Amino acid sequence: MPPHQEGNPVLRYIRNIPWEWGEGVVPDYVVGVTGCVLFLSLRYHRLRPEYIYDRIQKLGRRFVLRVLLVQVDVTDHQELIRELTRVAVSGEMTLFLAWSAEEAGRYIETFKSFEHRPPDVLRERVDDAYLARLTKFLTSVKSVTKTDVLTLISNFGTLARIVSATPEELASLPGFGTQKVRRLREAFSQPFIAHD
């Protein structure tokens, strides 16, 4: 890892794998022969938005596994994450979000510990039963489709976060017009009946 990472609080949480400083290292963390991580905190991105563009440009096309690991350390993060999603896609990187320095450190440890394993080992495992129940529930609202459900899940993660999303947050999603947002908000304001 390059010396400019000295002082990064993430380093305190990289304890289960060996690491060392390296001169001339372009990415922040090399997690194998073909894998690297660029680390960025949203707070720093606000101060120096050009920083990540320069880093990706310096990285060039090196490495197969190219991760942009972003620590979400500001409250109003939605627009910044949208911007960094576009940056990651155009830079052919995979975006990972961490909500603390400890979580970021664990991601780096995981990438390194899986360096000799096939890529599908890291693939997300979604509880199919939960997703099916959530899809059934949300598509019961008129005009909400299965594609809309996937959009909601990928942006909010859980039903609780979907329900607590503001109308503005819902309206910012692709395919969510005023009428669909209104119907969802009305459905969420109705009393729920729990079934076993």
N, C-alpha and C. Protein backbone atom coordinates (compact mmCIF):
# COMPACT_ATOMS: atom_id res chain seq x y z
N MET A 1 0.85 -1.17 0.00
CA MET A 1 0.00 0.00 0.00
C MET A 1 0.89 1.23 0.00
N PRO A 2 0.46 2.28 -0.68
CA PRO A 2 1.30 3.47 -0.82
C PRO A 2 1.36 4.28 0.48
N PRO A 3 2.47 5.02 0.67
CA PRO A 3 2.64 5.81 1.90
C PRO A 3 1.55 6.85 2.14
N HIS A 4 0.86 7.33 1.08
CA HIS A 4 -0.18 8.34 1.31
C HIS A 4 -1.36 7.80 2.11
N GLN A 5 -1.42 6.49 2.31
CA GLN A 5 -2.49 5.91 3.12
C GLN A 5 -2.16 5.95 4.62
N GLU A 6 -0.93 6.35 4.95
CA GLU A 6 -0.54 6.44 6.35
C GLU A 6 -1.48 7.41 7.06
N GLY A 7 -2.00 7.00 8.18
CA GLY A 7 -2.95 7.83 8.91
C GLY A 7 -4.40 7.52 8.60
N ASN A 8 -4.64 6.70 7.58
CA ASN A 8 -6.02 6.32 7.25
C ASN A 8 -6.55 5.44 8.38
N PRO A 9 -7.68 5.82 9.01
CA PRO A 9 -8.22 5.03 10.13
C PRO A 9 -8.58 3.59 9.75
N VAL A 10 -8.77 3.32 8.46
CA VAL A 10 -9.09 1.96 8.01
C VAL A 10 -7.97 0.98 8.39
N LEU A 11 -6.74 1.46 8.41
CA LEU A 11 -5.59 0.58 8.68
C LEU A 11 -5.68 -0.09 10.05
N ARG A 12 -6.31 0.57 11.01
CA ARG A 12 -6.46 -0.03 12.35
C ARG A 12 -7.29 -1.30 12.31
N TYR A 13 -8.13 -1.43 11.28
CA TYR A 13 -9.04 -2.57 11.22
C TYR A 13 -8.60 -3.65 10.24
N ILE A 14 -7.44 -3.50 9.65
CA ILE A 14 -6.90 -4.57 8.80
C ILE A 14 -5.92 -5.34 9.67
N ARG A 15 -6.47 -6.32 10.39
CA ARG A 15 -5.70 -7.05 11.39
C ARG A 15 -5.53 -8.52 11.06
N ASN A 16 -6.38 -9.08 10.21
CA ASN A 16 -6.37 -10.52 9.98
C ASN A 16 -5.59 -10.95 8.75
N ILE A 17 -4.97 -10.01 8.07
CA ILE A 17 -4.13 -10.34 6.92
C ILE A 17 -2.85 -9.52 7.04
N PRO A 18 -1.73 -10.05 6.54
CA PRO A 18 -0.51 -9.26 6.58
C PRO A 18 -0.56 -8.16 5.51
N TRP A 19 0.05 -7.02 5.81
CA TRP A 19 0.14 -5.94 4.83
C TRP A 19 1.44 -5.19 5.03
N GLU A 20 1.84 -4.48 4.00
CA GLU A 20 3.09 -3.72 4.07
C GLU A 20 2.99 -2.50 3.18
N TRP A 21 3.87 -1.51 3.46
CA TRP A 21 3.94 -0.31 2.64
C TRP A 21 4.69 -0.63 1.36
N GLY A 22 4.37 0.05 0.29
CA GLY A 22 5.07 -0.17 -0.96
C GLY A 22 5.23 1.11 -1.74
N GLU A 23 6.43 1.40 -2.16
CA GLU A 23 6.69 2.57 -3.00
C GLU A 23 6.24 2.28 -4.42
N GLY A 24 5.72 3.28 -5.09
CA GLY A 24 5.33 3.14 -6.49
C GLY A 24 4.03 2.37 -6.70
N VAL A 25 3.29 2.11 -5.62
CA VAL A 25 2.02 1.41 -5.73
C VAL A 25 0.95 2.42 -6.14
N VAL A 26 0.25 2.14 -7.24
CA VAL A 26 -0.74 3.10 -7.75
C VAL A 26 -2.04 3.02 -6.96
N PRO A 27 -2.65 1.83 -6.77
CA PRO A 27 -3.90 1.80 -5.99
C PRO A 27 -3.60 1.96 -4.51
N ASP A 28 -4.64 2.19 -3.73
CA ASP A 28 -4.47 2.31 -2.28
C ASP A 28 -4.13 0.97 -1.65
N TYR A 29 -4.77 -0.09 -2.15
CA TYR A 29 -4.54 -1.43 -1.61
C TYR A 29 -4.47 -2.41 -2.76
N VAL A 30 -3.43 -3.21 -2.78
CA VAL A 30 -3.33 -4.30 -3.75
C VAL A 30 -3.77 -5.55 -2.99
N VAL A 31 -4.81 -6.19 -3.48
CA VAL A 31 -5.40 -7.33 -2.76
C VAL A 31 -5.19 -8.63 -3.53
N GLY A 32 -4.13 -8.69 -4.29
CA GLY A 32 -3.78 -9.87 -5.07
C GLY A 32 -3.11 -9.43 -6.35
N VAL A 33 -2.65 -10.40 -7.10
CA VAL A 33 -1.95 -10.10 -8.35
C VAL A 33 -2.85 -9.35 -9.31
N THR A 34 -4.15 -9.68 -9.31
CA THR A 34 -5.07 -9.06 -10.26
C THR A 34 -6.13 -8.17 -9.61
N GLY A 35 -5.99 -7.87 -8.32
CA GLY A 35 -7.02 -7.11 -7.63
C GLY A 35 -6.49 -5.90 -6.90
N CYS A 36 -7.26 -4.81 -6.94
CA CYS A 36 -6.86 -3.59 -6.24
C CYS A 36 -8.09 -2.87 -5.69
N VAL A 37 -7.83 -1.98 -4.74
CA VAL A 37 -8.88 -1.18 -4.12
C VAL A 37 -8.43 0.27 -4.09
N LEU A 38 -9.30 1.16 -4.54
CA LEU A 38 -9.14 2.59 -4.31
C LEU A 38 -10.10 2.95 -3.19
N PHE A 39 -9.61 3.63 -2.16
CA PHE A 39 -10.44 4.00 -1.02
C PHE A 39 -10.75 5.49 -1.07
N LEU A 40 -11.98 5.84 -0.72
CA LEU A 40 -12.41 7.24 -0.72
C LEU A 40 -13.47 7.44 0.34
N SER A 41 -13.32 8.47 1.15
CA SER A 41 -14.41 8.83 2.07
C SER A 41 -15.22 9.94 1.41
N LEU A 42 -16.51 9.94 1.64
CA LEU A 42 -17.37 10.97 1.03
C LEU A 42 -17.00 12.35 1.55
N ARG A 43 -16.58 12.42 2.80
CA ARG A 43 -16.19 13.72 3.36
C ARG A 43 -15.00 14.29 2.56
N TYR A 44 -14.02 13.43 2.26
CA TYR A 44 -12.87 13.88 1.48
C TYR A 44 -13.28 14.20 0.04
N HIS A 45 -14.19 13.41 -0.51
CA HIS A 45 -14.66 13.64 -1.88
C HIS A 45 -15.31 15.02 -2.01
N ARG A 46 -16.02 15.44 -0.98
CA ARG A 46 -16.63 16.77 -1.00
C ARG A 46 -15.57 17.86 -1.07
N LEU A 47 -14.47 17.66 -0.35
CA LEU A 47 -13.40 18.66 -0.33
C LEU A 47 -12.60 18.68 -1.64
N ARG A 48 -12.37 17.48 -2.20
CA ARG A 48 -11.54 17.36 -3.40
C ARG A 48 -12.21 16.42 -4.40
N PRO A 49 -13.25 16.88 -5.09
CA PRO A 49 -13.98 15.99 -6.01
C PRO A 49 -13.13 15.49 -7.18
N GLU A 50 -12.08 16.21 -7.54
CA GLU A 50 -11.24 15.78 -8.66
C GLU A 50 -10.32 14.63 -8.28
N TYR A 51 -10.11 14.41 -6.99
CA TYR A 51 -9.16 13.41 -6.51
C TYR A 51 -9.41 12.03 -7.10
N ILE A 52 -10.66 11.55 -7.04
CA ILE A 52 -10.94 10.18 -7.48
C ILE A 52 -10.79 10.04 -8.99
N TYR A 53 -11.11 11.08 -9.73
CA TYR A 53 -10.92 11.04 -11.19
C TYR A 53 -9.44 10.87 -11.53
N ASP A 54 -8.59 11.63 -10.83
CA ASP A 54 -7.14 11.53 -11.04
C ASP A 54 -6.63 10.14 -10.69
N ARG A 55 -7.11 9.59 -9.58
CA ARG A 55 -6.66 8.27 -9.13
C ARG A 55 -7.04 7.19 -10.12
N ILE A 56 -8.27 7.24 -10.64
CA ILE A 56 -8.72 6.24 -11.62
C ILE A 56 -7.91 6.38 -12.91
N GLN A 57 -7.65 7.62 -13.31
CA GLN A 57 -6.86 7.83 -14.52
C GLN A 57 -5.44 7.26 -14.34
N LYS A 58 -4.82 7.48 -13.19
CA LYS A 58 -3.48 6.93 -12.93
C LYS A 58 -3.49 5.41 -12.88
N LEU A 59 -4.59 4.84 -12.42
CA LEU A 59 -4.70 3.38 -12.36
C LEU A 59 -4.72 2.78 -13.75
N GLY A 60 -5.28 3.53 -14.70
CA GLY A 60 -5.34 3.03 -16.08
C GLY A 60 -6.18 1.76 -16.17
N ARG A 61 -5.70 0.80 -16.93
CA ARG A 61 -6.43 -0.46 -17.12
C ARG A 61 -5.79 -1.61 -16.35
N ARG A 62 -4.94 -1.26 -15.39
CA ARG A 62 -4.31 -2.30 -14.59
C ARG A 62 -5.36 -3.01 -13.74
N PHE A 63 -5.14 -4.24 -13.44
CA PHE A 63 -5.93 -5.06 -12.54
C PHE A 63 -7.26 -5.50 -13.16
N VAL A 64 -7.67 -6.71 -12.78
CA VAL A 64 -8.94 -7.27 -13.24
C VAL A 64 -10.04 -6.93 -12.25
N LEU A 65 -9.78 -7.20 -10.96
CA LEU A 65 -10.73 -6.83 -9.91
C LEU A 65 -10.36 -5.42 -9.48
N ARG A 66 -11.25 -4.47 -9.79
CA ARG A 66 -10.99 -3.05 -9.53
C ARG A 66 -12.14 -2.53 -8.66
N VAL A 67 -11.85 -2.28 -7.39
CA VAL A 67 -12.89 -1.90 -6.44
C VAL A 67 -12.71 -0.45 -6.03
N LEU A 68 -13.81 0.29 -6.07
CA LEU A 68 -13.86 1.62 -5.49
C LEU A 68 -14.61 1.47 -4.17
N LEU A 69 -13.88 1.54 -3.06
CA LEU A 69 -14.45 1.35 -1.73
C LEU A 69 -14.69 2.73 -1.14
N VAL A 70 -15.97 3.06 -0.90
CA VAL A 70 -16.35 4.39 -0.44
C VAL A 70 -16.90 4.30 0.97
N GLN A 71 -16.31 5.08 1.87
CA GLN A 71 -16.84 5.16 3.23
C GLN A 71 -17.86 6.28 3.28
N VAL A 72 -19.07 5.93 3.66
CA VAL A 72 -20.17 6.90 3.75
C VAL A 72 -20.09 7.54 5.13
N ASP A 73 -19.50 8.74 5.18
CA ASP A 73 -19.29 9.42 6.46
C ASP A 73 -19.91 10.81 6.48
N VAL A 74 -20.94 11.01 5.65
CA VAL A 74 -21.72 12.25 5.66
C VAL A 74 -23.19 11.86 5.66
N THR A 75 -24.05 12.75 6.16
CA THR A 75 -25.47 12.39 6.25
C THR A 75 -26.20 12.53 4.92
N ASP A 76 -25.92 13.57 4.18
CA ASP A 76 -26.62 13.76 2.89
C ASP A 76 -25.76 13.17 1.77
N HIS A 77 -25.85 11.87 1.63
CA HIS A 77 -24.94 11.11 0.77
C HIS A 77 -25.54 10.68 -0.56
N GLN A 78 -26.83 10.78 -0.76
CA GLN A 78 -27.48 10.21 -1.93
C GLN A 78 -26.89 10.71 -3.25
N GLU A 79 -26.78 12.01 -3.42
CA GLU A 79 -26.28 12.56 -4.69
C GLU A 79 -24.81 12.20 -4.90
N LEU A 80 -24.03 12.22 -3.83
CA LEU A 80 -22.61 11.85 -3.94
C LEU A 80 -22.46 10.39 -4.37
N ILE A 81 -23.30 9.52 -3.83
CA ILE A 81 -23.23 8.10 -4.19
C ILE A 81 -23.66 7.91 -5.65
N ARG A 82 -24.67 8.64 -6.09
CA ARG A 82 -25.07 8.56 -7.50
C ARG A 82 -23.90 8.97 -8.40
N GLU A 83 -23.25 10.06 -8.04
CA GLU A 83 -22.11 10.53 -8.83
C GLU A 83 -21.00 9.48 -8.86
N LEU A 84 -20.68 8.91 -7.70
CA LEU A 84 -19.59 7.93 -7.64
C LEU A 84 -19.97 6.61 -8.31
N THR A 85 -21.25 6.31 -8.39
CA THR A 85 -21.70 5.14 -9.14
C THR A 85 -21.37 5.34 -10.61
N ARG A 86 -21.66 6.53 -11.13
CA ARG A 86 -21.31 6.83 -12.53
C ARG A 86 -19.79 6.79 -12.74
N VAL A 87 -19.04 7.33 -11.78
CA VAL A 87 -17.58 7.31 -11.87
C VAL A 87 -17.07 5.88 -11.91
N ALA A 88 -17.62 5.03 -11.04
CA ALA A 88 -17.18 3.63 -10.98
C ALA A 88 -17.48 2.91 -12.29
N VAL A 89 -18.67 3.11 -12.82
CA VAL A 89 -19.05 2.44 -14.07
C VAL A 89 -18.13 2.89 -15.20
N SER A 90 -17.93 4.19 -15.34
CA SER A 90 -17.08 4.68 -16.44
C SER A 90 -15.62 4.28 -16.25
N GLY A 91 -15.19 4.08 -15.00
CA GLY A 91 -13.82 3.66 -14.73
C GLY A 91 -13.66 2.15 -14.66
N GLU A 92 -14.73 1.42 -15.03
CA GLU A 92 -14.73 -0.05 -14.99
C GLU A 92 -14.32 -0.57 -13.62
N MET A 93 -14.97 -0.02 -12.60
CA MET A 93 -14.71 -0.42 -11.22
C MET A 93 -16.01 -0.89 -10.58
N THR A 94 -15.87 -1.67 -9.53
CA THR A 94 -17.02 -2.12 -8.75
C THR A 94 -17.09 -1.25 -7.50
N LEU A 95 -18.26 -0.67 -7.26
CA LEU A 95 -18.44 0.22 -6.12
C LEU A 95 -18.91 -0.57 -4.90
N PHE A 96 -18.21 -0.40 -3.79
CA PHE A 96 -18.63 -0.96 -2.51
C PHE A 96 -18.78 0.20 -1.54
N LEU A 97 -19.84 0.17 -0.74
CA LEU A 97 -20.07 1.21 0.27
C LEU A 97 -19.82 0.62 1.65
N ALA A 98 -19.10 1.36 2.46
CA ALA A 98 -18.86 0.99 3.85
C ALA A 98 -19.37 2.13 4.72
N TRP A 99 -19.98 1.78 5.83
CA TRP A 99 -20.58 2.81 6.69
C TRP A 99 -19.69 3.15 7.88
N SER A 100 -18.51 2.54 7.93
CA SER A 100 -17.54 2.85 8.98
C SER A 100 -16.16 2.43 8.51
N ALA A 101 -15.12 2.94 9.19
CA ALA A 101 -13.75 2.53 8.86
C ALA A 101 -13.56 1.04 9.13
N GLU A 102 -14.20 0.55 10.17
CA GLU A 102 -14.09 -0.87 10.49
C GLU A 102 -14.66 -1.74 9.37
N GLU A 103 -15.83 -1.36 8.86
CA GLU A 103 -16.43 -2.12 7.76
C GLU A 103 -15.54 -2.06 6.51
N ALA A 104 -14.96 -0.91 6.23
CA ALA A 104 -14.05 -0.78 5.08
C ALA A 104 -12.85 -1.71 5.25
N GLY A 105 -12.30 -1.76 6.45
CA GLY A 105 -11.18 -2.66 6.72
C GLY A 105 -11.55 -4.11 6.51
N ARG A 106 -12.74 -4.48 6.92
CA ARG A 106 -13.19 -5.87 6.74
C ARG A 106 -13.33 -6.21 5.26
N TYR A 107 -13.84 -5.26 4.46
CA TYR A 107 -13.93 -5.50 3.02
C TYR A 107 -12.55 -5.77 2.43
N ILE A 108 -11.59 -4.95 2.80
CA ILE A 108 -10.24 -5.12 2.26
C ILE A 108 -9.68 -6.47 2.67
N GLU A 109 -9.88 -6.87 3.92
CA GLU A 109 -9.44 -8.19 4.37
C GLU A 109 -10.10 -9.30 3.56
N THR A 110 -11.39 -9.15 3.30
CA THR A 110 -12.12 -10.17 2.54
C THR A 110 -11.59 -10.28 1.12
N PHE A 111 -11.38 -9.14 0.46
CA PHE A 111 -10.85 -9.19 -0.91
C PHE A 111 -9.51 -9.91 -0.94
N LYS A 112 -8.66 -9.60 0.01
CA LYS A 112 -7.33 -10.22 0.04
C LYS A 112 -7.43 -11.71 0.35
N SER A 113 -8.26 -12.08 1.30
CA SER A 113 -8.36 -13.49 1.68
C SER A 113 -9.00 -14.35 0.59
N PHE A 114 -9.72 -13.72 -0.33
CA PHE A 114 -10.37 -14.46 -1.41
C PHE A 114 -9.60 -14.36 -2.73
N GLU A 115 -8.36 -13.88 -2.69
CA GLU A 115 -7.65 -13.62 -3.94
C GLU A 115 -7.42 -14.86 -4.78
N HIS A 116 -7.37 -16.04 -4.19
CA HIS A 116 -7.13 -17.26 -4.96
C HIS A 116 -8.41 -18.09 -5.14
N ARG A 117 -9.55 -17.48 -4.89
CA ARG A 117 -10.82 -18.19 -5.03
C ARG A 117 -11.57 -17.64 -6.23
N PRO A 118 -12.48 -18.43 -6.81
CA PRO A 118 -13.20 -17.97 -7.99
C PRO A 118 -14.10 -16.77 -7.66
N PRO A 119 -14.34 -15.89 -8.65
CA PRO A 119 -15.13 -14.67 -8.41
C PRO A 119 -16.54 -14.93 -7.90
N ASP A 120 -17.16 -16.04 -8.30
CA ASP A 120 -18.55 -16.27 -7.88
C ASP A 120 -18.69 -16.53 -6.39
N VAL A 121 -17.57 -16.77 -5.69
CA VAL A 121 -17.63 -16.96 -4.24
C VAL A 121 -18.07 -15.66 -3.56
N LEU A 122 -17.71 -14.52 -4.16
CA LEU A 122 -18.06 -13.22 -3.58
C LEU A 122 -19.46 -12.75 -3.95
N ARG A 123 -20.11 -13.48 -4.86
CA ARG A 123 -21.43 -13.06 -5.33
C ARG A 123 -22.42 -12.98 -4.17
N GLU A 124 -23.27 -11.97 -4.22
CA GLU A 124 -24.27 -11.77 -3.17
C GLU A 124 -25.26 -12.91 -3.16
N ARG A 125 -25.60 -13.33 -1.97
CA ARG A 125 -26.63 -14.35 -1.82
C ARG A 125 -27.87 -13.69 -1.25
N VAL A 126 -28.92 -13.68 -2.03
CA VAL A 126 -30.17 -13.03 -1.62
C VAL A 126 -31.13 -14.11 -1.16
N ASP A 127 -31.78 -13.85 -0.05
CA ASP A 127 -32.78 -14.78 0.45
C ASP A 127 -33.97 -14.74 -0.51
N ASP A 128 -34.10 -15.79 -1.32
CA ASP A 128 -35.15 -15.83 -2.34
C ASP A 128 -36.55 -15.73 -1.75
N ALA A 129 -36.75 -16.35 -0.58
CA ALA A 129 -38.07 -16.32 0.04
C ALA A 129 -38.42 -14.88 0.45
N TYR A 130 -37.47 -14.17 1.03
CA TYR A 130 -37.71 -12.79 1.43
C TYR A 130 -38.00 -11.92 0.21
N LEU A 131 -37.19 -12.06 -0.82
CA LEU A 131 -37.39 -11.27 -2.03
C LEU A 131 -38.74 -11.57 -2.67
N ALA A 132 -39.15 -12.83 -2.66
CA ALA A 132 -40.45 -13.21 -3.23
C ALA A 132 -41.59 -12.57 -2.43
N ARG A 133 -41.49 -12.61 -1.10
CA ARG A 133 -42.54 -12.02 -0.26
C ARG A 133 -42.59 -10.50 -0.44
N LEU A 134 -41.41 -9.89 -0.51
CA LEU A 134 -41.35 -8.44 -0.70
C LEU A 134 -41.92 -8.05 -2.06
N THR A 135 -41.60 -8.82 -3.08
CA THR A 135 -42.12 -8.56 -4.42
C THR A 135 -43.64 -8.69 -4.43
N LYS A 136 -44.15 -9.74 -3.81
CA LYS A 136 -45.60 -9.93 -3.75
C LYS A 136 -46.28 -8.75 -3.04
N PHE A 137 -45.67 -8.32 -1.94
CA PHE A 137 -46.23 -7.21 -1.18
C PHE A 137 -46.23 -5.91 -1.98
N LEU A 138 -45.08 -5.56 -2.54
CA LEU A 138 -44.96 -4.27 -3.23
C LEU A 138 -45.71 -4.22 -4.55
N THR A 139 -45.77 -5.35 -5.27
CA THR A 139 -46.51 -5.35 -6.54
C THR A 139 -48.01 -5.37 -6.33
N SER A 140 -48.45 -5.52 -5.09
CA SER A 140 -49.89 -5.40 -4.82
C SER A 140 -50.34 -3.94 -4.93
N VAL A 141 -49.38 -3.02 -4.90
CA VAL A 141 -49.70 -1.60 -5.11
C VAL A 141 -49.82 -1.39 -6.62
N LYS A 142 -50.95 -0.80 -7.03
CA LYS A 142 -51.22 -0.61 -8.45
C LYS A 142 -50.07 0.12 -9.14
N SER A 143 -49.64 -0.42 -10.28
CA SER A 143 -48.60 0.09 -11.18
C SER A 143 -47.16 -0.18 -10.73
N VAL A 144 -46.97 -0.80 -9.56
CA VAL A 144 -45.61 -1.18 -9.13
C VAL A 144 -45.29 -2.54 -9.74
N THR A 145 -44.19 -2.60 -10.50
CA THR A 145 -43.79 -3.81 -11.20
C THR A 145 -42.65 -4.51 -10.47
N LYS A 146 -42.31 -5.71 -10.95
CA LYS A 146 -41.17 -6.44 -10.38
C LYS A 146 -39.88 -5.66 -10.59
N THR A 147 -39.75 -4.99 -11.70
CA THR A 147 -38.58 -4.15 -11.96
C THR A 147 -38.51 -3.02 -10.94
N ASP A 148 -39.67 -2.43 -10.61
CA ASP A 148 -39.71 -1.37 -9.60
C ASP A 148 -39.24 -1.90 -8.25
N VAL A 149 -39.63 -3.12 -7.92
CA VAL A 149 -39.22 -3.72 -6.64
C VAL A 149 -37.70 -3.85 -6.59
N LEU A 150 -37.09 -4.32 -7.67
CA LEU A 150 -35.63 -4.44 -7.72
C LEU A 150 -34.97 -3.07 -7.60
N THR A 151 -35.56 -2.07 -8.21
CA THR A 151 -35.03 -0.70 -8.10
C THR A 151 -35.10 -0.23 -6.65
N LEU A 152 -36.22 -0.47 -6.00
CA LEU A 152 -36.38 -0.07 -4.60
C LEU A 152 -35.37 -0.78 -3.70
N ILE A 153 -35.24 -2.09 -3.88
CA ILE A 153 -34.32 -2.86 -3.05
C ILE A 153 -32.88 -2.42 -3.28
N SER A 154 -32.50 -2.21 -4.53
CA SER A 154 -31.11 -1.83 -4.80
C SER A 154 -30.78 -0.43 -4.29
N ASN A 155 -31.78 0.43 -4.16
CA ASN A 155 -31.53 1.79 -3.66
C ASN A 155 -31.71 1.94 -2.16
N PHE A 156 -32.61 1.15 -1.56
CA PHE A 156 -32.89 1.32 -0.14
C PHE A 156 -32.51 0.11 0.72
N GLY A 157 -32.44 -1.07 0.13
CA GLY A 157 -31.95 -2.24 0.85
C GLY A 157 -32.97 -3.02 1.64
N THR A 158 -33.83 -2.36 2.39
CA THR A 158 -34.80 -3.06 3.23
C THR A 158 -36.18 -2.43 3.09
N LEU A 159 -37.19 -3.19 3.49
CA LEU A 159 -38.55 -2.66 3.46
C LEU A 159 -38.67 -1.46 4.38
N ALA A 160 -38.05 -1.51 5.54
CA ALA A 160 -38.13 -0.39 6.48
C ALA A 160 -37.61 0.89 5.85
N ARG A 161 -36.51 0.81 5.12
CA ARG A 161 -35.96 2.01 4.47
C ARG A 161 -36.84 2.46 3.31
N ILE A 162 -37.46 1.51 2.61
CA ILE A 162 -38.37 1.88 1.52
C ILE A 162 -39.56 2.64 2.09
N VAL A 163 -40.13 2.11 3.16
CA VAL A 163 -41.31 2.73 3.78
C VAL A 163 -40.97 4.12 4.31
N SER A 164 -39.77 4.31 4.85
CA SER A 164 -39.42 5.61 5.42
C SER A 164 -38.83 6.58 4.40
N ALA A 165 -38.69 6.16 3.14
CA ALA A 165 -38.17 7.05 2.10
C ALA A 165 -39.13 8.21 1.86
N THR A 166 -38.58 9.36 1.62
CA THR A 166 -39.41 10.54 1.34
C THR A 166 -39.96 10.45 -0.08
N PRO A 167 -41.05 11.17 -0.35
CA PRO A 167 -41.56 11.20 -1.72
C PRO A 167 -40.51 11.68 -2.73
N GLU A 168 -39.67 12.61 -2.31
CA GLU A 168 -38.62 13.11 -3.21
C GLU A 168 -37.61 12.01 -3.54
N GLU A 169 -37.22 11.22 -2.53
CA GLU A 169 -36.27 10.11 -2.76
C GLU A 169 -36.88 9.09 -3.70
N LEU A 170 -38.16 8.76 -3.49
CA LEU A 170 -38.82 7.80 -4.38
C LEU A 170 -38.93 8.35 -5.80
N ALA A 171 -39.28 9.62 -5.93
CA ALA A 171 -39.45 10.23 -7.25
C ALA A 171 -38.14 10.32 -8.02
N SER A 172 -37.01 10.27 -7.32
CA SER A 172 -35.71 10.36 -8.00
C SER A 172 -35.31 9.04 -8.66
N LEU A 173 -36.06 7.97 -8.37
CA LEU A 173 -35.73 6.66 -8.94
C LEU A 173 -36.27 6.55 -10.37
N PRO A 174 -35.56 5.81 -11.23
CA PRO A 174 -36.06 5.62 -12.59
C PRO A 174 -37.38 4.85 -12.60
N GLY A 175 -38.34 5.34 -13.36
CA GLY A 175 -39.63 4.68 -13.47
C GLY A 175 -40.64 5.06 -12.40
N PHE A 176 -40.28 5.99 -11.51
CA PHE A 176 -41.18 6.37 -10.43
C PHE A 176 -41.69 7.79 -10.65
N GLY A 177 -42.89 7.84 -11.24
CA GLY A 177 -43.54 9.12 -11.47
C GLY A 177 -44.36 9.53 -10.26
N THR A 178 -45.00 10.67 -10.37
CA THR A 178 -45.78 11.23 -9.27
C THR A 178 -46.88 10.29 -8.81
N GLN A 179 -47.59 9.68 -9.76
CA GLN A 179 -48.71 8.81 -9.41
C GLN A 179 -48.24 7.54 -8.69
N LYS A 180 -47.16 6.94 -9.18
CA LYS A 180 -46.65 5.73 -8.54
C LYS A 180 -46.15 6.03 -7.12
N VAL A 181 -45.48 7.15 -6.96
CA VAL A 181 -44.99 7.55 -5.63
C VAL A 181 -46.17 7.78 -4.70
N ARG A 182 -47.20 8.46 -5.20
CA ARG A 182 -48.39 8.72 -4.37
C ARG A 182 -49.05 7.43 -3.93
N ARG A 183 -49.18 6.47 -4.87
CA ARG A 183 -49.81 5.18 -4.53
C ARG A 183 -48.99 4.42 -3.49
N LEU A 184 -47.68 4.44 -3.66
CA LEU A 184 -46.82 3.76 -2.67
C LEU A 184 -46.97 4.40 -1.30
N ARG A 185 -46.89 5.73 -1.24
CA ARG A 185 -47.01 6.43 0.04
C ARG A 185 -48.36 6.16 0.69
N GLU A 186 -49.43 6.11 -0.12
CA GLU A 186 -50.76 5.80 0.42
C GLU A 186 -50.79 4.38 0.98
N ALA A 187 -50.18 3.43 0.26
CA ALA A 187 -50.15 2.04 0.73
C ALA A 187 -49.38 1.93 2.04
N PHE A 188 -48.30 2.69 2.17
CA PHE A 188 -47.50 2.63 3.39
C PHE A 188 -48.19 3.29 4.57
N SER A 189 -49.13 4.16 4.30
CA SER A 189 -49.82 4.84 5.40
C SER A 189 -51.03 4.04 5.90
N GLN A 190 -51.40 2.97 5.19
CA GLN A 190 -52.51 2.12 5.62
C GLN A 190 -52.04 1.22 6.75
N PRO A 191 -52.93 0.83 7.66
CA PRO A 191 -52.52 -0.09 8.74
C PRO A 191 -52.14 -1.45 8.18
N PHE A 192 -51.06 -2.02 8.70
CA PHE A 192 -50.60 -3.35 8.28
C PHE A 192 -51.19 -4.40 9.19
N ILE A 193 -51.54 -5.55 8.59
CA ILE A 193 -52.03 -6.68 9.36
C ILE A 193 -50.99 -7.78 9.24
N ALA A 194 -50.44 -8.20 10.35
CA ALA A 194 -49.40 -9.23 10.33
C ALA A 194 -50.02 -10.60 10.20
N HIS A 195 -49.46 -11.41 9.30
CA HIS A 195 -49.87 -12.81 9.12
C HIS A 195 -48.72 -13.72 9.43
N ASP A 196 -48.98 -14.83 10.06
CA ASP A 196 -47.91 -15.81 10.36
C ASP A 196 -47.75 -16.77 9.22
